[in-house]
Amino acid sequence: MVFFEYEAAFELIYYVRKCWVHQPDRAIVEKIAVWEYFYAFTRVCEQTEETSSIISPFCKTEAMNSLLSGTSISFPKYKLIMIIDSAGLLTTNRLVLPKNIILFTPIRQN
């Protein structure tokens, strides 16, 4: 079975609050927007039209390991090929690759 994997970042303006600094410094702005980010790690199987995602507050290898582990557990009888990009969290030696998953990174043509 062939899967496609993609990770994406989403940002959210959580709230606007007053900005302050220690004396005798002076704040340049009166209010500041507080941003929060969250990340979606998603896999899609074209043959079964099945998709699933992991939502994480961090874009880290551990989140990708969870996605790979969950995919492996969901399809234990199949040899899986997961097409990925070359993001750093996917090429690190801390990535735990289940035995039934092969990662494939297409070569970019210019």
PDB file of N, CA and C in Angstrom:
ATOM      1  N   MET A   1       0.846  -1.174   0.000  1.00  0.00           N
ATOM      2  CA  MET A   1       0.000   0.000   0.000  1.00  0.00           C
ATOM      3  C   MET A   1       0.893   1.239   0.000  1.00  0.00           C
ATOM      4  N   VAL A   2       0.435   2.264  -0.666  1.00  0.00           N
ATOM      5  CA  VAL A   2       1.196   3.505  -0.764  1.00  0.00           C
ATOM      6  C   VAL A   2       0.474   4.590   0.028  1.00  0.00           C
ATOM      7  N   PHE A   3       1.238   5.276   0.869  1.00  0.00           N
ATOM      8  CA  PHE A   3       0.715   6.388   1.659  1.00  0.00           C
ATOM      9  C   PHE A   3       1.489   7.650   1.313  1.00  0.00           C
ATOM     10  N   PHE A   4       0.829   8.771   1.436  1.00  0.00           N
ATOM     11  CA  PHE A   4       1.476  10.071   1.319  1.00  0.00           C
ATOM     12  C   PHE A   4       1.431  10.718   2.690  1.00  0.00           C
ATOM     13  N   GLU A   5       2.544  11.320   3.093  1.00  0.00           N
ATOM     14  CA  GLU A   5       2.612  11.978   4.405  1.00  0.00           C
ATOM     15  C   GLU A   5       2.910  13.444   4.196  1.00  0.00           C
ATOM     16  N   TYR A   6       2.292  14.273   5.013  1.00  0.00           N
ATOM     17  CA  TYR A   6       2.566  15.710   4.962  1.00  0.00           C
ATOM     18  C   TYR A   6       2.379  16.301   6.348  1.00  0.00           C
ATOM     19  N   GLU A   7       3.226  17.232   6.681  1.00  0.00           N
ATOM     20  CA  GLU A   7       3.075  17.947   7.946  1.00  0.00           C
ATOM     21  C   GLU A   7       2.861  19.427   7.635  1.00  0.00           C
ATOM     22  N   ALA A   8       1.993  20.060   8.397  1.00  0.00           N
ATOM     23  CA  ALA A   8       1.669  21.462   8.143  1.00  0.00           C
ATOM     24  C   ALA A   8       1.536  22.197   9.468  1.00  0.00           C
ATOM     25  N   ALA A   9       1.886  23.467   9.455  1.00  0.00           N
ATOM     26  CA  ALA A   9       1.782  24.308  10.649  1.00  0.00           C
ATOM     27  C   ALA A   9       0.570  25.218  10.524  1.00  0.00           C
ATOM     28  N   PHE A  10      -0.102  25.408  11.631  1.00  0.00           N
ATOM     29  CA  PHE A  10      -1.235  26.323  11.701  1.00  0.00           C
ATOM     30  C   PHE A  10      -0.960  27.298  12.831  1.00  0.00           C
ATOM     31  N   GLU A  11      -1.307  28.545  12.620  1.00  0.00           N
ATOM     32  CA  GLU A  11      -1.081  29.539  13.671  1.00  0.00           C
ATOM     33  C   GLU A  11      -2.401  30.138  14.115  1.00  0.00           C
ATOM     34  N   LEU A  12      -2.413  30.554  15.352  1.00  0.00           N
ATOM     35  CA  LEU A  12      -3.622  31.066  15.963  1.00  0.00           C
ATOM     36  C   LEU A  12      -3.241  32.260  16.831  1.00  0.00           C
ATOM     37  N   ILE A  13      -3.933  33.388  16.635  1.00  0.00           N
ATOM     38  CA  ILE A  13      -3.747  34.508  17.555  1.00  0.00           C
ATOM     39  C   ILE A  13      -4.582  34.182  18.779  1.00  0.00           C
ATOM     40  N   TYR A  14      -3.904  33.839  19.842  1.00  0.00           N
ATOM     41  CA  TYR A  14      -4.580  33.340  21.027  1.00  0.00           C
ATOM     42  C   TYR A  14      -5.313  34.460  21.763  1.00  0.00           C
ATOM     43  N   TYR A  15      -4.624  35.549  22.046  1.00  0.00           N
ATOM     44  CA  TYR A  15      -5.258  36.693  22.687  1.00  0.00           C
ATOM     45  C   TYR A  15      -4.332  37.900  22.565  1.00  0.00           C
ATOM     46  N   VAL A  16      -4.869  39.048  22.793  1.00  0.00           N
ATOM     47  CA  VAL A  16      -4.092  40.285  22.780  1.00  0.00           C
ATOM     48  C   VAL A  16      -4.003  40.773  24.217  1.00  0.00           C
ATOM     49  N   ARG A  17      -2.806  41.074  24.645  1.00  0.00           N
ATOM     50  CA  ARG A  17      -2.636  41.523  26.021  1.00  0.00           C
ATOM     51  C   ARG A  17      -1.740  42.761  26.057  1.00  0.00           C
ATOM     52  N   LYS A  18      -1.746  43.408  27.183  1.00  0.00           N
ATOM     53  CA  LYS A  18      -0.902  44.584  27.343  1.00  0.00           C
ATOM     54  C   LYS A  18       0.559  44.168  27.362  1.00  0.00           C
ATOM     55  N   CYS A  19       1.381  45.022  26.818  1.00  0.00           N
ATOM     56  CA  CYS A  19       2.813  44.772  26.753  1.00  0.00           C
ATOM     57  C   CYS A  19       3.501  45.583  27.847  1.00  0.00           C
ATOM     58  N   TRP A  20       4.440  44.971  28.532  1.00  0.00           N
ATOM     59  CA  TRP A  20       5.148  45.690  29.583  1.00  0.00           C
ATOM     60  C   TRP A  20       6.635  45.352  29.508  1.00  0.00           C
ATOM     61  N   VAL A  21       7.433  46.225  30.051  1.00  0.00           N
ATOM     62  CA  VAL A  21       8.878  46.013  30.164  1.00  0.00           C
ATOM     63  C   VAL A  21       9.320  46.514  31.533  1.00  0.00           C
ATOM     64  N   HIS A  22      10.506  46.115  31.941  1.00  0.00           N
ATOM     65  CA  HIS A  22      11.056  46.549  33.223  1.00  0.00           C
ATOM     66  C   HIS A  22      11.443  48.027  33.171  1.00  0.00           C
ATOM     67  N   GLN A  23      11.308  48.697  34.306  1.00  0.00           N
ATOM     68  CA  GLN A  23      11.723  50.095  34.417  1.00  0.00           C
ATOM     69  C   GLN A  23      13.232  50.172  34.283  1.00  0.00           C
ATOM     70  N   PRO A  24      13.867  51.139  33.726  1.00  0.00           N
ATOM     71  CA  PRO A  24      13.344  52.388  33.186  1.00  0.00           C
ATOM     72  C   PRO A  24      13.043  52.293  31.698  1.00  0.00           C
ATOM     73  N   ASP A  25      13.080  51.078  31.140  1.00  0.00           N
ATOM     74  CA  ASP A  25      12.779  50.935  29.713  1.00  0.00           C
ATOM     75  C   ASP A  25      11.326  51.301  29.445  1.00  0.00           C
ATOM     76  N   ARG A  26      11.055  51.582  28.199  1.00  0.00           N
ATOM     77  CA  ARG A  26       9.701  51.972  27.813  1.00  0.00           C
ATOM     78  C   ARG A  26       9.216  51.088  26.670  1.00  0.00           C
ATOM     79  N   ALA A  27       8.008  50.575  26.758  1.00  0.00           N
ATOM     80  CA  ALA A  27       7.459  49.720  25.708  1.00  0.00           C
ATOM     81  C   ALA A  27       7.219  50.528  24.439  1.00  0.00           C
ATOM     82  N   ILE A  28       7.570  49.947  23.328  1.00  0.00           N
ATOM     83  CA  ILE A  28       7.344  50.611  22.043  1.00  0.00           C
ATOM     84  C   ILE A  28       5.899  50.435  21.611  1.00  0.00           C
ATOM     85  N   VAL A  29       5.306  49.312  21.946  1.00  0.00           N
ATOM     86  CA  VAL A  29       3.911  49.053  21.595  1.00  0.00           C
ATOM     87  C   VAL A  29       3.081  48.953  22.870  1.00  0.00           C
ATOM     88  N   GLU A  30       1.807  49.237  22.750  1.00  0.00           N
ATOM     89  CA  GLU A  30       0.928  49.193  23.913  1.00  0.00           C
ATOM     90  C   GLU A  30       0.400  47.789  24.173  1.00  0.00           C
ATOM     91  N   LYS A  31       0.107  47.047  23.082  1.00  0.00           N
ATOM     92  CA  LYS A  31      -0.436  45.696  23.212  1.00  0.00           C
ATOM     93  C   LYS A  31       0.328  44.742  22.299  1.00  0.00           C
ATOM     94  N   ILE A  32       0.274  43.488  22.638  1.00  0.00           N
ATOM     95  CA  ILE A  32       0.982  42.479  21.861  1.00  0.00           C
ATOM     96  C   ILE A  32       0.048  41.297  21.585  1.00  0.00           C
ATOM     97  N   ALA A  33       0.144  40.749  20.397  1.00  0.00           N
ATOM     98  CA  ALA A  33      -0.635  39.554  20.046  1.00  0.00           C
ATOM     99  C   ALA A  33       0.184  38.328  20.431  1.00  0.00           C
ATOM    100  N   VAL A  34      -0.438  37.388  21.115  1.00  0.00           N
ATOM    101  CA  VAL A  34       0.219  36.151  21.504  1.00  0.00           C
ATOM    102  C   VAL A  34      -0.154  35.082  20.490  1.00  0.00           C
ATOM    103  N   TRP A  35       0.850  34.520  19.836  1.00  0.00           N
ATOM    104  CA  TRP A  35       0.629  33.528  18.790  1.00  0.00           C
ATOM    105  C   TRP A  35       0.849  32.136  19.352  1.00  0.00           C
ATOM    106  N   GLU A  36       0.019  31.212  18.914  1.00  0.00           N
ATOM    107  CA  GLU A  36       0.227  29.806  19.218  1.00  0.00           C
ATOM    108  C   GLU A  36       0.257  29.046  17.913  1.00  0.00           C
ATOM    109  N   TYR A  37       1.071  28.017  17.873  1.00  0.00           N
ATOM    110  CA  TYR A  37       1.179  27.193  16.683  1.00  0.00           C
ATOM    111  C   TYR A  37       0.811  25.767  17.036  1.00  0.00           C
ATOM    112  N   PHE A  38       0.228  25.070  16.081  1.00  0.00           N
ATOM    113  CA  PHE A  38       0.047  23.633  16.218  1.00  0.00           C
ATOM    114  C   PHE A  38       0.293  23.007  14.855  1.00  0.00           C
ATOM    115  N   TYR A  39       0.598  21.745  14.873  1.00  0.00           N
ATOM    116  CA  TYR A  39       1.042  21.056  13.668  1.00  0.00           C
ATOM    117  C   TYR A  39       0.189  19.826  13.422  1.00  0.00           C
ATOM    118  N   ALA A  40      -0.127  19.580  12.169  1.00  0.00           N
ATOM    119  CA  ALA A  40      -0.877  18.395  11.778  1.00  0.00           C
ATOM    120  C   ALA A  40       0.049  17.492  10.971  1.00  0.00           C
ATOM    121  N   PHE A  41       0.169  16.263  11.404  1.00  0.00           N
ATOM    122  CA  PHE A  41       0.895  15.232  10.677  1.00  0.00           C
ATOM    123  C   PHE A  41      -0.171  14.313  10.088  1.00  0.00           C
ATOM    124  N   THR A  42      -0.246  14.246   8.784  1.00  0.00           N
ATOM    125  CA  THR A  42      -1.337  13.539   8.122  1.00  0.00           C
ATOM    126  C   THR A  42      -0.808  12.488   7.162  1.00  0.00           C
ATOM    127  N   ARG A  43      -1.505  11.368   7.110  1.00  0.00           N
ATOM    128  CA  ARG A  43      -1.194  10.341   6.121  1.00  0.00           C
ATOM    129  C   ARG A  43      -2.456  10.017   5.335  1.00  0.00           C
ATOM    130  N   VAL A  44      -2.280   9.763   4.045  1.00  0.00           N
ATOM    131  CA  VAL A  44      -3.401   9.466   3.158  1.00  0.00           C
ATOM    132  C   VAL A  44      -3.042   8.237   2.335  1.00  0.00           C
ATOM    133  N   CYS A  45      -3.975   7.292   2.228  1.00  0.00           N
ATOM    134  CA  CYS A  45      -3.798   6.121   1.373  1.00  0.00           C
ATOM    135  C   CYS A  45      -4.725   6.275   0.174  1.00  0.00           C
ATOM    136  N   GLU A  46      -4.132   6.308  -1.001  1.00  0.00           N
ATOM    137  CA  GLU A  46      -4.936   6.501  -2.213  1.00  0.00           C
ATOM    138  C   GLU A  46      -5.813   5.288  -2.507  1.00  0.00           C
ATOM    139  N   GLN A  47      -5.312   4.079  -2.228  1.00  0.00           N
ATOM    140  CA  GLN A  47      -6.083   2.872  -2.546  1.00  0.00           C
ATOM    141  C   GLN A  47      -7.344   2.750  -1.687  1.00  0.00           C
ATOM    142  N   THR A  48      -7.216   2.994  -0.388  1.00  0.00           N
ATOM    143  CA  THR A  48      -8.361   2.818   0.517  1.00  0.00           C
ATOM    144  C   THR A  48      -9.097   4.118   0.803  1.00  0.00           C
ATOM    145  N   GLU A  49      -8.541   5.239   0.348  1.00  0.00           N
ATOM    146  CA  GLU A  49      -9.078   6.579   0.611  1.00  0.00           C
ATOM    147  C   GLU A  49      -9.165   6.857   2.107  1.00  0.00           C
ATOM    148  N   GLU A  50      -8.294   6.222   2.864  1.00  0.00           N
ATOM    149  CA  GLU A  50      -8.264   6.415   4.308  1.00  0.00           C
ATOM    150  C   GLU A  50      -7.254   7.504   4.656  1.00  0.00           C
ATOM    151  N   THR A  51      -7.617   8.314   5.609  1.00  0.00           N
ATOM    152  CA  THR A  51      -6.723   9.362   6.070  1.00  0.00           C
ATOM    153  C   THR A  51      -6.791   9.458   7.584  1.00  0.00           C
ATOM    154  N   SER A  52      -5.697   9.857   8.184  1.00  0.00           N
ATOM    155  CA  SER A  52      -5.687  10.112   9.623  1.00  0.00           C
ATOM    156  C   SER A  52      -4.617  11.139   9.921  1.00  0.00           C
ATOM    157  N   SER A  53      -4.787  11.825  11.030  1.00  0.00           N
ATOM    158  CA  SER A  53      -3.859  12.894  11.406  1.00  0.00           C
ATOM    159  C   SER A  53      -3.535  12.821  12.882  1.00  0.00           C
ATOM    160  N   ILE A  54      -2.390  13.359  13.201  1.00  0.00           N
ATOM    161  CA  ILE A  54      -1.992  13.589  14.589  1.00  0.00           C
ATOM    162  C   ILE A  54      -1.808  15.089  14.719  1.00  0.00           C
ATOM    163  N   ILE A  55      -2.433  15.680  15.706  1.00  0.00           N
ATOM    164  CA  ILE A  55      -2.270  17.107  15.977  1.00  0.00           C
ATOM    165  C   ILE A  55      -1.297  17.240  17.135  1.00  0.00           C
ATOM    166  N   SER A  56      -0.269  18.052  16.943  1.00  0.00           N
ATOM    167  CA  SER A  56       0.779  18.190  17.950  1.00  0.00           C
ATOM    168  C   SER A  56       1.090  19.667  18.174  1.00  0.00           C
ATOM    169  N   PRO A  57       1.414  20.039  19.421  1.00  0.00           N
ATOM    170  CA  PRO A  57       1.818  21.420  19.656  1.00  0.00           C
ATOM    171  C   PRO A  57       3.249  21.690  19.179  1.00  0.00           C
ATOM    172  N   PHE A  58       3.986  20.643  18.832  1.00  0.00           N
ATOM    173  CA  PHE A  58       5.368  20.794  18.403  1.00  0.00           C
ATOM    174  C   PHE A  58       5.602  20.033  17.104  1.00  0.00           C
ATOM    175  N   CYS A  59       6.483  20.561  16.281  1.00  0.00           N
ATOM    176  CA  CYS A  59       6.874  19.879  15.048  1.00  0.00           C
ATOM    177  C   CYS A  59       8.169  19.139  15.340  1.00  0.00           C
ATOM    178  N   LYS A  60       8.028  17.948  15.907  1.00  0.00           N
ATOM    179  CA  LYS A  60       9.189  17.187  16.345  1.00  0.00           C
ATOM    180  C   LYS A  60       9.135  15.766  15.816  1.00  0.00           C
ATOM    181  N   THR A  61      10.275  15.117  15.859  1.00  0.00           N
ATOM    182  CA  THR A  61      10.393  13.743  15.397  1.00  0.00           C
ATOM    183  C   THR A  61       9.473  12.809  16.170  1.00  0.00           C
ATOM    184  N   GLU A  62       9.248  13.090  17.445  1.00  0.00           N
ATOM    185  CA  GLU A  62       8.395  12.231  18.263  1.00  0.00           C
ATOM    186  C   GLU A  62       6.970  12.158  17.704  1.00  0.00           C
ATOM    187  N   ALA A  63       6.464  13.269  17.178  1.00  0.00           N
ATOM    188  CA  ALA A  63       5.122  13.267  16.577  1.00  0.00           C
ATOM    189  C   ALA A  63       5.105  12.401  15.313  1.00  0.00           C
ATOM    190  N   MET A  64       6.155  12.491  14.515  1.00  0.00           N
ATOM    191  CA  MET A  64       6.239  11.666  13.315  1.00  0.00           C
ATOM    192  C   MET A  64       6.366  10.196  13.689  1.00  0.00           C
ATOM    193  N   ASN A  65       7.110   9.895  14.752  1.00  0.00           N
ATOM    194  CA  ASN A  65       7.212   8.515  15.224  1.00  0.00           C
ATOM    195  C   ASN A  65       5.841   7.971  15.612  1.00  0.00           C
ATOM    196  N   SER A  66       5.014   8.796  16.231  1.00  0.00           N
ATOM    197  CA  SER A  66       3.650   8.374  16.594  1.00  0.00           C
ATOM    198  C   SER A  66       2.820   8.065  15.360  1.00  0.00           C
ATOM    199  N   LEU A  67       2.947   8.903  14.335  1.00  0.00           N
ATOM    200  CA  LEU A  67       2.202   8.668  13.090  1.00  0.00           C
ATOM    201  C   LEU A  67       2.653   7.365  12.430  1.00  0.00           C
ATOM    202  N   LEU A  68       3.965   7.134  12.377  1.00  0.00           N
ATOM    203  CA  LEU A  68       4.479   5.906  11.767  1.00  0.00           C
ATOM    204  C   LEU A  68       4.041   4.677  12.552  1.00  0.00           C
ATOM    205  N   SER A  69       4.119   4.761  13.869  1.00  0.00           N
ATOM    206  CA  SER A  69       3.726   3.639  14.718  1.00  0.00           C
ATOM    207  C   SER A  69       2.242   3.319  14.548  1.00  0.00           C
ATOM    208  N   GLY A  70       1.409   4.346  14.566  1.00  0.00           N
ATOM    209  CA  GLY A  70      -0.024   4.153  14.386  1.00  0.00           C
ATOM    210  C   GLY A  70      -0.371   3.583  13.029  1.00  0.00           C
ATOM    211  N   THR A  71       0.335   4.024  11.998  1.00  0.00           N
ATOM    212  CA  THR A  71       0.105   3.504  10.649  1.00  0.00           C
ATOM    213  C   THR A  71       0.498   2.035  10.570  1.00  0.00           C
ATOM    214  N   SER A  72       1.624   1.699  11.167  1.00  0.00           N
ATOM    215  CA  SER A  72       2.097   0.320  11.175  1.00  0.00           C
ATOM    216  C   SER A  72       1.116  -0.602  11.904  1.00  0.00           C
ATOM    217  N   ILE A  73       0.590  -0.143  13.032  1.00  0.00           N
ATOM    218  CA  ILE A  73      -0.365  -0.931  13.815  1.00  0.00           C
ATOM    219  C   ILE A  73      -1.685  -1.095  13.062  1.00  0.00           C
ATOM    220  N   SER A  74      -2.098  -0.072  12.322  1.00  0.00           N
ATOM    221  CA  SER A  74      -3.360  -0.133  11.572  1.00  0.00           C
ATOM    222  C   SER A  74      -3.302  -1.098  10.392  1.00  0.00           C
ATOM    223  N   PHE A  75      -2.113  -1.317   9.835  1.00  0.00           N
ATOM    224  CA  PHE A  75      -1.952  -2.171   8.654  1.00  0.00           C
ATOM    225  C   PHE A  75      -0.828  -3.180   8.892  1.00  0.00           C
ATOM    226  N   PRO A  76      -0.986  -4.072   9.876  1.00  0.00           N
ATOM    227  CA  PRO A  76       0.117  -4.975  10.239  1.00  0.00           C
ATOM    228  C   PRO A  76       0.449  -6.024   9.176  1.00  0.00           C
ATOM    229  N   LYS A  77      -0.488  -6.362   8.307  1.00  0.00           N
ATOM    230  CA  LYS A  77      -0.270  -7.426   7.330  1.00  0.00           C
ATOM    231  C   LYS A  77       0.281  -6.919   6.004  1.00  0.00           C
ATOM    232  N   TYR A  78       0.477  -5.607   5.871  1.00  0.00           N
ATOM    233  CA  TYR A  78       0.898  -5.020   4.607  1.00  0.00           C
ATOM    234  C   TYR A  78       2.302  -4.453   4.709  1.00  0.00           C
ATOM    235  N   LYS A  79       3.009  -4.448   3.586  1.00  0.00           N
ATOM    236  CA  LYS A  79       4.252  -3.707   3.449  1.00  0.00           C
ATOM    237  C   LYS A  79       3.860  -2.334   2.929  1.00  0.00           C
ATOM    238  N   LEU A  80       4.209  -1.276   3.649  1.00  0.00           N
ATOM    239  CA  LEU A  80       3.747   0.073   3.333  1.00  0.00           C
ATOM    240  C   LEU A  80       4.883   0.921   2.784  1.00  0.00           C
ATOM    241  N   ILE A  81       4.585   1.698   1.774  1.00  0.00           N
ATOM    242  CA  ILE A  81       5.520   2.700   1.257  1.00  0.00           C
ATOM    243  C   ILE A  81       4.916   4.053   1.592  1.00  0.00           C
ATOM    244  N   MET A  82       5.668   4.871   2.312  1.00  0.00           N
ATOM    245  CA  MET A  82       5.186   6.200   2.668  1.00  0.00           C
ATOM    246  C   MET A  82       6.038   7.232   1.932  1.00  0.00           C
ATOM    247  N   ILE A  83       5.380   8.018   1.085  1.00  0.00           N
ATOM    248  CA  ILE A  83       6.067   9.055   0.320  1.00  0.00           C
ATOM    249  C   ILE A  83       6.110  10.311   1.182  1.00  0.00           C
ATOM    250  N   ILE A  84       7.319  10.815   1.407  1.00  0.00           N
ATOM    251  CA  ILE A  84       7.539  11.940   2.317  1.00  0.00           C
ATOM    252  C   ILE A  84       8.343  13.031   1.624  1.00  0.00           C
ATOM    253  N   ASP A  85       8.405  14.203   2.270  1.00  0.00           N
ATOM    254  CA  ASP A  85       9.311  15.241   1.784  1.00  0.00           C
ATOM    255  C   ASP A  85      10.632  15.092   2.556  1.00  0.00           C
ATOM    256  N   SER A  86      11.555  15.998   2.367  1.00  0.00           N
ATOM    257  CA  SER A  86      12.862  15.862   3.008  1.00  0.00           C
ATOM    258  C   SER A  86      13.013  16.787   4.215  1.00  0.00           C
ATOM    259  N   ALA A  87      11.932  16.977   4.962  1.00  0.00           N
ATOM    260  CA  ALA A  87      11.995  17.799   6.174  1.00  0.00           C
ATOM    261  C   ALA A  87      12.976  17.179   7.169  1.00  0.00           C
ATOM    262  N   GLY A  88      13.601  18.010   7.970  1.00  0.00           N
ATOM    263  CA  GLY A  88      14.612  17.551   8.914  1.00  0.00           C
ATOM    264  C   GLY A  88      14.108  16.503   9.887  1.00  0.00           C
ATOM    265  N   LEU A  89      12.871  16.643  10.336  1.00  0.00           N
ATOM    266  CA  LEU A  89      12.350  15.674  11.303  1.00  0.00           C
ATOM    267  C   LEU A  89      12.114  14.314  10.671  1.00  0.00           C
ATOM    268  N   LEU A  90      12.121  14.238   9.341  1.00  0.00           N
ATOM    269  CA  LEU A  90      11.925  12.963   8.656  1.00  0.00           C
ATOM    270  C   LEU A  90      13.232  12.304   8.259  1.00  0.00           C
ATOM    271  N   THR A  91      14.330  13.029   8.362  1.00  0.00           N
ATOM    272  CA  THR A  91      15.626  12.491   7.943  1.00  0.00           C
ATOM    273  C   THR A  91      16.578  12.291   9.111  1.00  0.00           C
ATOM    274  N   THR A  92      16.128  12.524  10.318  1.00  0.00           N
ATOM    275  CA  THR A  92      16.990  12.383  11.485  1.00  0.00           C
ATOM    276  C   THR A  92      17.176  10.914  11.852  1.00  0.00           C
ATOM    277  N   ASN A  93      18.268  10.611  12.539  1.00  0.00           N
ATOM    278  CA  ASN A  93      18.494   9.228  12.967  1.00  0.00           C
ATOM    279  C   ASN A  93      17.648   8.860  14.189  1.00  0.00           C
ATOM    280  N   ARG A  94      16.894   9.804  14.759  1.00  0.00           N
ATOM    281  CA  ARG A  94      15.994   9.512  15.876  1.00  0.00           C
ATOM    282  C   ARG A  94      14.627   9.011  15.398  1.00  0.00           C
ATOM    283  N   LEU A  95      14.421   8.997  14.098  1.00  0.00           N
ATOM    284  CA  LEU A  95      13.160   8.507  13.553  1.00  0.00           C
ATOM    285  C   LEU A  95      13.114   6.988  13.716  1.00  0.00           C
ATOM    286  N   VAL A  96      12.052   6.487  14.348  1.00  0.00           N
ATOM    287  CA  VAL A  96      11.884   5.051  14.562  1.00  0.00           C
ATOM    288  C   VAL A  96      10.999   4.511  13.447  1.00  0.00           C
ATOM    289  N   LEU A  97      11.584   3.709  12.591  1.00  0.00           N
ATOM    290  CA  LEU A  97      10.873   3.209  11.417  1.00  0.00           C
ATOM    291  C   LEU A  97      10.388   1.784  11.675  1.00  0.00           C
ATOM    292  N   PRO A  98       9.065   1.578  11.691  1.00  0.00           N
ATOM    293  CA  PRO A  98       8.537   0.218  11.860  1.00  0.00           C
ATOM    294  C   PRO A  98       9.002  -0.687  10.716  1.00  0.00           C
ATOM    295  N   LYS A  99       9.046  -1.994  10.978  1.00  0.00           N
ATOM    296  CA  LYS A  99       9.577  -2.949   9.997  1.00  0.00           C
ATOM    297  C   LYS A  99       8.753  -3.032   8.716  1.00  0.00           C
ATOM    298  N   ASN A 100       7.465  -2.720   8.786  1.00  0.00           N
ATOM    299  CA  ASN A 100       6.635  -2.862   7.586  1.00  0.00           C
ATOM    300  C   ASN A 100       6.459  -1.548   6.814  1.00  0.00           C
ATOM    301  N   ILE A 101       7.257  -0.526   7.135  1.00  0.00           N
ATOM    302  CA  ILE A 101       7.153   0.761   6.434  1.00  0.00           C
ATOM    303  C   ILE A 101       8.485   1.108   5.772  1.00  0.00           C
ATOM    304  N   ILE A 102       8.404   1.514   4.515  1.00  0.00           N
ATOM    305  CA  ILE A 102       9.551   2.024   3.769  1.00  0.00           C
ATOM    306  C   ILE A 102       9.263   3.488   3.464  1.00  0.00           C
ATOM    307  N   LEU A 103      10.219   4.369   3.763  1.00  0.00           N
ATOM    308  CA  LEU A 103      10.067   5.793   3.440  1.00  0.00           C
ATOM    309  C   LEU A 103      10.685   6.066   2.080  1.00  0.00           C
ATOM    310  N   PHE A 104      10.005   6.868   1.282  1.00  0.00           N
ATOM    311  CA  PHE A 104      10.484   7.193  -0.052  1.00  0.00           C
ATOM    312  C   PHE A 104      10.391   8.713  -0.236  1.00  0.00           C
ATOM    313  N   THR A 105      11.498   9.322  -0.611  1.00  0.00           N
ATOM    314  CA  THR A 105      11.548  10.765  -0.885  1.00  0.00           C
ATOM    315  C   THR A 105      11.788  10.964  -2.378  1.00  0.00           C
ATOM    316  N   PRO A 106      10.814  11.509  -3.108  1.00  0.00           N
ATOM    317  CA  PRO A 106      11.021  11.733  -4.548  1.00  0.00           C
ATOM    318  C   PRO A 106      12.135  12.747  -4.783  1.00  0.00           C
ATOM    319  N   ILE A 107      12.829  12.586  -5.881  1.00  0.00           N
ATOM    320  CA  ILE A 107      13.875  13.526  -6.272  1.00  0.00           C
ATOM    321  C   ILE A 107      13.212  14.681  -6.987  1.00  0.00           C
ATOM    322  N   ARG A 108      13.540  15.896  -6.552  1.00  0.00           N
ATOM    323  CA  ARG A 108      12.946  17.092  -7.157  1.00  0.00           C
ATOM    324  C   ARG A 108      13.641  17.417  -8.478  1.00  0.00           C
ATOM    325  N   GLN A 109      12.857  17.569  -9.519  1.00  0.00           N
ATOM    326  CA  GLN A 109      13.396  17.895 -10.852  1.00  0.00           C
ATOM    327  C   GLN A 109      13.268  19.402 -11.065  1.00  0.00           C
ATOM    328  N   ASN A 110      14.335  20.035 -11.512  1.00  0.00           N
ATOM    329  CA  ASN A 110      14.295  21.480 -11.792  1.00  0.00           C
ATOM    330  C   ASN A 110      14.065  21.742 -13.251  1.00  0.00           C
TER     331      ASN A 110
END
